[in-house]
Protein backbone atom coordinates (compact mmCIF):
# COMPACT_ATOMS: atom_id res chain seq x y z
CA MET A 1 0.01 -0.25 -0.28
CA SER A 2 1.07 3.62 -0.81
CA ASP A 3 0.96 6.08 2.27
CA ASP A 4 -0.01 8.69 -0.03
CA TRP A 5 -3.09 6.73 -0.59
CA ASN A 6 -6.49 8.83 -0.04
CA THR A 7 -9.44 7.28 1.89
CA ARG A 8 -11.93 6.13 -1.04
CA THR A 9 -8.35 3.92 -2.44
CA LYS A 10 -7.30 2.59 0.69
CA LEU A 11 -11.08 1.18 1.64
CA VAL A 12 -10.79 -0.58 -2.01
CA HIS A 13 -7.62 -1.78 -2.03
CA ALA A 14 -5.50 -1.67 1.57
CA GLY A 15 -4.17 -5.30 3.04
CA THR A 16 -5.46 -7.02 -0.02
CA ARG A 17 -3.85 -10.60 0.08
CA ARG A 18 -3.96 -12.55 -3.67
CA SER A 19 -3.59 -16.21 -3.82
CA GLN A 20 -1.94 -18.34 -6.35
CA TYR A 21 -5.18 -17.83 -8.36
CA GLY A 22 -4.91 -14.24 -8.90
CA GLU A 23 -8.82 -13.61 -7.99
CA VAL A 24 -9.88 -10.00 -8.24
CA SER A 25 -12.33 -10.08 -4.98
CA GLU A 26 -10.94 -11.09 -1.76
CA ALA A 27 -10.91 -14.40 -1.14
CA ILE A 28 -12.71 -16.36 1.67
CA PHE A 29 -10.45 -18.60 3.72
CA LEU A 30 -13.48 -20.77 5.21
CA THR A 31 -11.23 -22.78 7.39
CA GLN A 32 -10.74 -23.05 11.02
CA GLY A 33 -7.07 -24.70 10.82
CA PHE A 34 -4.03 -24.64 8.55
CA VAL A 35 -1.65 -27.53 7.85
CA TYR A 36 2.35 -28.00 7.91
CA ASP A 37 4.77 -29.59 5.82
CA SER A 38 6.33 -31.14 8.31
CA ALA A 39 6.45 -31.53 12.47
CA GLU A 40 9.16 -29.21 12.53
CA ALA A 41 7.49 -26.51 10.68
CA ALA A 42 4.42 -26.80 13.00
CA GLU A 43 6.77 -26.33 15.99
CA ALA A 44 8.40 -23.26 14.39
CA ARG A 45 4.91 -21.60 13.46
CA PHE A 46 3.75 -22.17 17.22
CA LEU A 47 6.97 -20.54 18.18
CA LYS A 48 7.05 -17.64 15.88
CA SER A 49 4.20 -16.97 13.30
CA GLY A 50 5.23 -14.70 10.31
CA PRO A 51 2.78 -12.10 8.83
CA ASP A 52 1.31 -14.64 5.94
CA GLU A 53 1.48 -17.75 8.89
CA PHE A 54 -1.47 -18.89 10.16
CA ILE A 55 -2.47 -21.53 12.92
CA TYR A 56 -5.97 -21.33 13.86
CA ALA A 57 -8.86 -19.34 13.23
CA ARG A 58 -9.14 -18.07 16.52
CA TYR A 59 -5.56 -16.78 16.50
CA GLY A 60 -6.24 -15.67 12.94
CA ASN A 61 -7.10 -16.45 9.29
CA PRO A 62 -6.27 -14.46 5.90
CA THR A 63 -9.47 -13.00 5.18
CA VAL A 64 -9.97 -11.45 8.49
CA ARG A 65 -6.22 -10.32 8.22
CA MET A 66 -6.99 -8.43 5.14
CA PHE A 67 -10.03 -6.95 6.91
CA GLU A 68 -7.71 -6.05 9.93
CA ASP A 69 -5.14 -4.10 7.61
CA ARG A 70 -7.81 -2.37 5.42
CA ILE A 71 -9.36 -0.73 8.53
CA ALA A 72 -5.68 -0.01 10.32
CA ALA A 73 -4.76 1.73 7.18
CA LEU A 74 -7.96 4.20 7.10
CA GLU A 75 -7.67 4.64 10.72
CA GLY A 76 -3.85 5.29 10.91
CA ALA A 77 -3.53 2.69 13.39
CA GLU A 78 0.00 0.59 13.17
CA ASP A 79 -2.46 -2.83 13.92
CA GLY A 80 -6.08 -3.89 14.24
CA PHE A 81 -7.51 -7.01 15.60
CA ALA A 82 -11.24 -7.99 14.56
CA THR A 83 -13.75 -9.28 17.23
CA ALA A 84 -17.18 -11.21 16.82
CA SER A 85 -18.93 -8.15 17.33
CA GLY A 86 -18.56 -4.63 18.82
CA MET A 87 -19.61 -5.81 22.51
CA ALA A 88 -16.29 -8.46 22.26
CA ALA A 89 -14.26 -5.73 21.22
CA VAL A 90 -15.13 -3.23 23.86
CA ASN A 91 -14.74 -6.39 26.41
CA GLY A 92 -11.84 -7.39 24.96
CA ALA A 93 -10.09 -4.01 24.65
CA LEU A 94 -10.78 -2.98 28.33
CA MET A 95 -10.07 -6.63 30.11
CA SER A 96 -6.73 -7.10 28.31
CA MET A 97 -5.41 -4.15 30.26
CA LEU A 98 -6.89 -3.87 33.47
CA ARG A 99 -6.74 -5.69 36.82
CA ALA A 100 -7.95 -6.27 40.00
CA GLY A 101 -7.00 -2.44 41.97
CA ASP A 102 -7.10 -0.70 38.84
CA HIS A 103 -9.15 2.40 38.29
CA VAL A 104 -10.96 3.21 35.63
CA VAL A 105 -12.54 6.98 34.45
CA SER A 106 -15.34 6.86 32.17
CA SER A 107 -18.03 9.14 30.64
CA ARG A 108 -21.50 8.15 31.91
CA ALA A 109 -23.05 9.06 29.14
CA LEU A 110 -22.79 5.43 27.19
CA PHE A 111 -24.62 2.15 25.11
CA GLY A 112 -26.36 0.26 27.58
CA SER A 113 -23.73 -2.67 27.30
CA CYS A 114 -20.88 -0.68 27.54
CA LEU A 115 -22.36 0.56 30.96
CA TYR A 116 -22.84 -3.09 31.98
CA ILE A 117 -19.53 -3.78 31.20
CA LEU A 118 -17.42 -1.41 33.37
CA GLU A 119 -20.50 -1.13 35.93
CA ASP A 120 -21.37 -4.88 36.52
CA ILE A 121 -18.07 -7.03 35.22
CA LEU A 122 -15.18 -5.19 35.62
CA THR A 123 -16.16 -4.11 39.50
CA ARG A 124 -17.13 -7.80 39.85
CA PHE A 125 -13.43 -8.36 39.57
CA GLY A 126 -11.64 -5.78 41.66
CA VAL A 127 -11.63 -2.59 38.95
CA GLU A 128 -12.73 0.28 40.93
CA VAL A 129 -14.90 2.91 38.18
CA THR A 130 -15.90 6.39 38.29
CA PHE A 131 -18.16 7.60 36.06
CA VAL A 132 -18.27 11.45 35.30
CA ASP A 133 -20.25 14.10 32.87
CA GLY A 134 -17.73 13.44 29.68
CA THR A 135 -18.32 16.78 28.70
CA ASP A 136 -17.05 18.56 31.93
CA LEU A 137 -13.10 18.87 31.70
CA ASP A 138 -13.09 19.40 35.23
CA ALA A 139 -15.04 16.88 36.37
CA TRP A 140 -12.42 14.37 34.35
CA ARG A 141 -9.33 16.25 36.10
CA ALA A 142 -10.85 15.79 39.58
CA ALA A 143 -11.43 11.93 38.68
CA MET A 144 -8.18 11.19 37.85
CA ARG A 145 -5.73 9.39 40.67
CA PRO A 146 -1.99 7.52 40.62
CA ASP A 147 -3.86 4.68 40.03
CA THR A 148 -6.30 5.46 36.81
CA ARG A 149 -5.34 2.81 34.39
CA VAL A 150 -8.01 3.75 31.71
CA VAL A 151 -9.96 6.47 30.31
CA PHE A 152 -13.25 5.21 28.41
CA LEU A 153 -15.62 7.64 26.46
CA GLU A 154 -17.98 7.28 23.53
CA SER A 155 -16.60 10.05 21.34
CA ILE A 156 -20.30 10.86 20.47
CA SER A 157 -22.66 9.27 23.06
CA ASN A 158 -25.64 7.19 22.28
CA PRO A 159 -28.30 8.44 22.32
CA THR A 160 -27.83 11.82 23.10
CA LEU A 161 -24.83 12.90 21.07
CA GLU A 162 -22.80 14.43 23.58
CA VAL A 163 -19.46 15.30 21.70
CA ILE A 164 -16.61 14.77 23.90
CA ASP A 165 -13.48 17.13 23.59
CA LEU A 166 -11.36 14.18 23.13
CA GLU A 167 -7.64 16.10 22.70
CA ALA A 168 -8.57 17.31 26.06
CA VAL A 169 -9.63 14.48 28.00
CA ALA A 170 -6.78 12.46 26.61
CA GLU A 171 -4.14 15.19 27.75
CA ILE A 172 -5.96 14.95 31.11
CA ALA A 173 -5.69 10.90 30.89
CA HIS A 174 -1.99 11.03 29.71
CA GLY A 175 -0.70 13.38 32.66
CA VAL A 176 -1.52 10.27 34.96
CA GLY A 177 -0.17 7.73 32.72
CA ALA A 178 -3.92 6.28 32.05
CA SER A 179 -4.04 4.73 28.30
CA VAL A 180 -7.47 6.47 26.72
CA VAL A 181 -9.81 3.97 24.86
CA VAL A 182 -12.75 5.56 22.60
CA ASP A 183 -15.73 3.90 20.98
CA ASN A 184 -16.06 5.95 17.84
CA VAL A 185 -19.19 4.33 16.16
CA PHE A 186 -21.25 7.37 16.00
CA ALA A 187 -18.56 9.54 14.86
CA THR A 188 -17.32 6.66 12.29
CA PRO A 189 -13.92 6.10 10.82
CA ILE A 190 -14.72 8.85 7.79
CA TYR A 191 -14.76 11.85 9.66
CA SER A 192 -12.66 11.26 12.98
CA ARG A 193 -9.46 10.79 13.69
CA ALA A 194 -9.26 9.52 17.25
CA LEU A 195 -5.69 8.44 17.29
CA ALA A 196 -4.46 11.41 15.74
CA GLN A 197 -6.47 13.16 18.58
CA GLY A 198 -4.83 11.45 21.39
CA ALA A 199 -6.86 8.24 21.64
CA ASP A 200 -4.56 5.11 22.54
CA VAL A 201 -7.18 2.57 21.46
CA VAL A 202 -10.19 2.83 19.14
CA VAL A 203 -13.22 0.61 19.21
CA TYR A 204 -15.81 -0.25 16.16
CA SER A 205 -18.68 -2.10 16.09
CA THR A 206 -18.66 -2.73 12.28
CA THR A 207 -21.85 -4.24 12.72
CA LYS A 208 -22.86 -0.93 11.79
CA HIS A 209 -21.54 1.72 9.37
CA ILE A 210 -18.71 -0.62 7.76
CA ASP A 211 -21.23 -3.48 7.19
CA GLY A 212 -23.71 -1.18 6.96
CA GLN A 213 -26.37 -3.49 5.28
CA GLY A 214 -27.94 -5.27 8.06
CA ARG A 215 -25.76 -8.64 7.70
CA CYS A 216 -23.13 -9.45 10.05
CA LEU A 217 -21.84 -9.03 13.65
CA GLY A 218 -18.25 -7.63 13.87
CA GLY A 219 -16.25 -5.39 15.97
CA ILE A 220 -12.44 -4.27 15.45
CA VAL A 221 -9.78 -2.68 18.29
CA LEU A 222 -7.13 -0.52 16.64
CA GLY A 223 -4.03 0.93 18.05
CA ARG A 224 -0.40 0.47 18.56
CA ARG A 225 1.02 -2.95 17.17
CA ASP A 226 2.92 -3.34 20.42
CA TYR A 227 -0.74 -3.44 21.94
CA ILE A 228 -2.36 -5.16 19.69
CA ARG A 229 0.03 -8.44 19.85
CA LYS A 230 1.31 -8.76 23.02
CA THR A 231 -1.73 -7.26 25.51
CA LEU A 232 -5.09 -7.52 23.32
CA GLU A 233 -4.34 -10.67 20.96
CA PRO A 234 -3.46 -13.27 24.19
CA TYR A 235 -6.45 -12.25 25.38
CA LEU A 236 -8.60 -12.45 22.75
CA LYS A 237 -7.02 -15.63 21.21
CA HIS A 238 -7.54 -17.98 24.19
CA THR A 239 -11.18 -16.38 25.01
CA GLY A 240 -12.54 -17.20 21.91
CA GLY A 241 -13.92 -13.51 20.82
CA ALA A 242 -12.59 -13.82 16.98
CA MET A 243 -14.39 -12.77 13.54
CA SER A 244 -15.20 -15.54 11.74
CA PRO A 245 -13.82 -15.29 7.90
CA PHE A 246 -17.08 -15.18 6.29
CA ASN A 247 -18.04 -11.89 8.76
CA ALA A 248 -14.61 -10.42 7.66
CA TRP A 249 -15.20 -11.01 3.94
CA VAL A 250 -18.53 -8.82 3.94
CA MET A 251 -16.95 -6.15 6.25
CA LEU A 252 -14.40 -6.06 3.17
CA LYS A 253 -17.15 -6.06 0.69
CA GLY A 254 -18.65 -3.23 3.19
CA MET A 255 -15.72 -1.06 3.17
CA GLU A 256 -15.53 -0.70 -0.47
CA THR A 257 -18.21 1.93 -0.32
CA LEU A 258 -18.08 3.01 3.02
CA ASP A 259 -17.12 6.63 2.40
CA LEU A 260 -19.68 6.82 -0.26
CA ARG A 261 -22.68 5.66 1.86
CA VAL A 262 -21.57 7.48 5.08
CA ARG A 263 -21.28 10.86 3.29
CA ALA A 264 -24.72 10.33 1.57
CA MET A 265 -26.28 9.68 4.82
CA THR A 266 -24.65 12.53 6.60
CA ASP A 267 -26.08 14.61 3.83
CA GLY A 268 -29.53 12.86 4.80
CA ALA A 269 -29.28 13.87 8.06
CA THR A 270 -27.87 17.07 8.07
CA THR A 271 -31.26 17.76 5.80
CA ILE A 272 -33.15 16.15 8.19
CA ALA A 273 -31.56 18.16 11.39
CA GLU A 274 -31.97 21.30 9.72
CA ALA A 275 -35.42 20.81 8.54
CA LEU A 276 -36.67 19.71 11.83
CA GLU A 277 -35.31 22.39 14.10
CA GLY A 278 -37.79 24.37 15.64
CA ASP A 279 -40.97 22.41 15.23
CA VAL A 280 -43.17 22.73 17.62
CA ARG A 281 -44.09 19.25 17.91
CA LEU A 282 -40.44 18.63 19.30
CA SER A 283 -38.47 19.85 22.01
CA ARG A 284 -34.95 19.25 20.82
CA VAL A 285 -33.56 17.99 17.58
CA ILE A 286 -29.63 16.61 18.54
CA PHE A 287 -27.44 17.09 15.98
CA PRO A 288 -23.72 17.46 16.43
CA HIS A 289 -23.35 20.26 14.00
CA LEU A 290 -26.34 21.87 14.62
CA PRO A 291 -25.23 25.68 16.29
CA SER A 292 -27.97 24.76 18.86
CA HIS A 293 -26.02 21.55 20.13
CA PRO A 294 -24.34 22.42 23.06
CA GLN A 295 -21.10 21.19 21.96
CA TYR A 296 -20.94 22.29 18.43
CA ASP A 297 -17.67 24.04 18.54
CA VAL A 298 -16.06 20.80 19.92
CA ALA A 299 -17.77 18.92 17.16
CA ARG A 300 -16.95 21.19 14.63
CA ARG A 301 -13.33 21.17 15.46
CA LEU A 302 -12.66 17.61 16.17
CA ILE A 303 -15.18 15.53 13.69
CA ALA A 304 -15.36 16.61 9.87
CA ARG A 305 -19.17 16.67 9.33
CA GLY A 306 -22.11 16.00 11.92
CA GLY A 307 -22.54 12.50 10.97
CA THR A 308 -25.13 9.82 10.18
CA MET A 309 -27.36 10.31 13.59
CA LEU A 310 -29.98 12.75 14.99
CA SER A 311 -32.14 12.25 18.00
CA LEU A 312 -35.32 13.64 18.57
CA ASP A 313 -37.09 14.71 21.60
CA ILE A 314 -41.01 14.52 20.97
CA ARG A 315 -43.14 16.57 23.24
CA GLY A 316 -45.79 14.44 25.22
CA GLY A 317 -43.62 11.44 26.32
CA GLN A 318 -43.65 8.00 25.74
CA ALA A 319 -47.17 8.01 24.34
CA ALA A 320 -46.31 10.35 21.45
CA ALA A 321 -43.36 8.82 20.70
CA PHE A 322 -45.01 5.51 20.25
CA ARG A 323 -47.65 7.21 18.35
CA PHE A 324 -44.88 8.70 16.11
CA LEU A 325 -42.72 5.88 15.67
CA ASN A 326 -45.91 3.80 14.76
CA ALA A 327 -47.04 6.07 12.17
CA LEU A 328 -43.50 5.95 10.25
CA LYS A 329 -43.91 4.52 6.74
CA ILE A 330 -40.44 4.25 5.40
CA MET A 331 -38.38 4.29 8.63
CA THR A 332 -37.70 1.07 10.01
CA ILE A 333 -38.41 0.73 13.95
CA SER A 334 -35.12 -1.44 15.08
CA ASN A 335 -32.06 -1.32 17.63
CA ASN A 336 -29.21 -1.25 14.81
CA LEU A 337 -27.87 1.94 13.54
CA GLY A 338 -25.38 3.04 10.61
CA ASP A 339 -27.46 0.97 7.97
CA ALA A 340 -28.63 1.67 4.18
CA LYS A 341 -31.89 1.61 5.60
CA SER A 342 -33.08 4.06 8.05
CA ILE A 343 -33.88 2.87 11.45
CA VAL A 344 -35.92 4.42 14.52
CA THR A 345 -35.06 3.87 18.33
CA HIS A 346 -37.18 4.49 21.32
CA PRO A 347 -33.96 4.12 23.90
CA ALA A 348 -35.42 4.39 27.06
CA THR A 349 -37.60 1.40 26.03
CA THR A 350 -35.07 -0.81 24.34
CA THR A 351 -31.35 0.26 24.31
CA HIS A 352 -31.32 2.04 27.71
CA GLN A 353 -34.26 0.23 29.17
CA ARG A 354 -32.14 -1.59 32.04
CA LEU A 355 -31.43 1.83 33.41
CA SER A 356 -33.30 3.17 36.15
CA GLU A 357 -35.62 6.37 35.29
CA GLY A 358 -32.67 8.47 37.50
CA GLN A 359 -30.13 7.55 35.18
CA ARG A 360 -32.14 8.02 32.10
CA THR A 361 -33.09 11.47 33.22
CA VAL A 362 -29.56 12.33 34.07
CA LEU A 363 -28.33 11.21 30.67
CA GLY A 364 -30.99 13.35 29.16
CA ILE A 365 -32.79 10.04 27.87
CA THR A 366 -36.42 11.37 28.08
CA PRO A 367 -39.49 9.20 27.33
CA GLY A 368 -39.95 11.04 24.19
CA LEU A 369 -36.40 10.78 22.99
CA VAL A 370 -36.10 9.02 19.65
CA ARG A 371 -32.89 7.80 18.01
CA VAL A 372 -32.63 8.27 14.15
CA SER A 373 -30.24 6.35 12.22
CA VAL A 374 -30.53 7.79 8.57
CA GLY A 375 -30.09 5.57 5.47
CA LEU A 376 -29.39 5.86 1.96
CA GLU A 377 -33.10 6.25 1.08
CA ASP A 378 -34.22 10.24 -0.45
CA ALA A 379 -33.94 12.69 1.91
CA GLY A 380 -37.11 14.29 0.95
CA ASP A 381 -38.90 11.17 1.13
CA LEU A 382 -37.84 10.58 4.49
CA LEU A 383 -38.66 14.29 5.75
CA ALA A 384 -41.98 13.55 4.39
CA ASP A 385 -42.30 10.36 6.35
CA LEU A 386 -41.23 12.45 9.53
CA ARG A 387 -43.15 14.98 9.04
CA GLN A 388 -46.44 12.68 8.18
CA ALA A 389 -45.28 10.97 11.37
CA LEU A 390 -45.33 14.00 13.94
CA ASP A 391 -48.96 14.63 12.70
CA ALA A 392 -50.02 12.01 14.01
CA VAL A 393 -48.70 13.00 17.20
CA ALA A 394 -49.88 16.79 16.92
CA PRO A 395 -51.02 18.37 13.44
CA VAL A 396 -50.28 21.73 12.98
């Protein structure tokens, strides 16, 4: 790969490995194991494997390695390890570098499963976790301790789209020697360069924009090669969180159109957010690149565009939100995001339902909040669909 390739070229060509047959489309090496020419060759490979030498699919696979190399090139990372899901990536990134007695500082606005790992799993094994308002830099400073090993955050929070000043938080964390782990799903690898902004480890659910067509689960952890191969890989290969070769192939195919899809979806999200802001049926429209967003200046500085996600807070609470959701004709009710199809979610009763009412209130997850993942449909059609659904709540 040439270092001066631009994004779309990397998305199509980076990491390609061709077999002796010279195939155009990447090959699926659908095998769980690999053979050796001799017992001595097997011994040598277990002692030290080369970059194109594989042992077992739980450790690595040529198709999976192509995907890891391609997304690492896109993100500007030295290396990556692909996982079975986004949550396997979050769990692996955190568990591989923590032990009993360590301290973690995390933003409080998190996806429900991320919160479960931090609040229930890590604490069960003797890791202490402090949650802070991710937008309050003084809160980050106050929470740091000499034994703080990891800082965890979502660069754009799910579902209220808070934008954290990653550069400032990274400087604070590195001041006490802590590593910064960032879930970067909402920012996407197209618009955010979290590693350049101070993150040590970046995590994606590749189920989202990278597949982006509702087919396969997947995740990726990206960072320095020393961390990926000496800390993360031993944990993941022995605990079994590896991505399957078929899913890696689907992700490779998804990456070829990732830039095109994300930019088109962002165009739609921007059009919808700007058109609906001020609608009397909504108490707020949340979109990072709207001037009304509380972290608008931070979002403009750190994230190239507003992204594919927005949230609508519908006046009238859960009953009004349900009437709105049930009236939609194009948008689909589901709990995925980053898909070619537009998807709406009611976080308070689905993705964040395990939180107490008090926790949801603190996070801004109101009964009327609806998360919208804008897809590839015509933006005018989507806007018309949203407006007729709002009419079902309260005609104007």
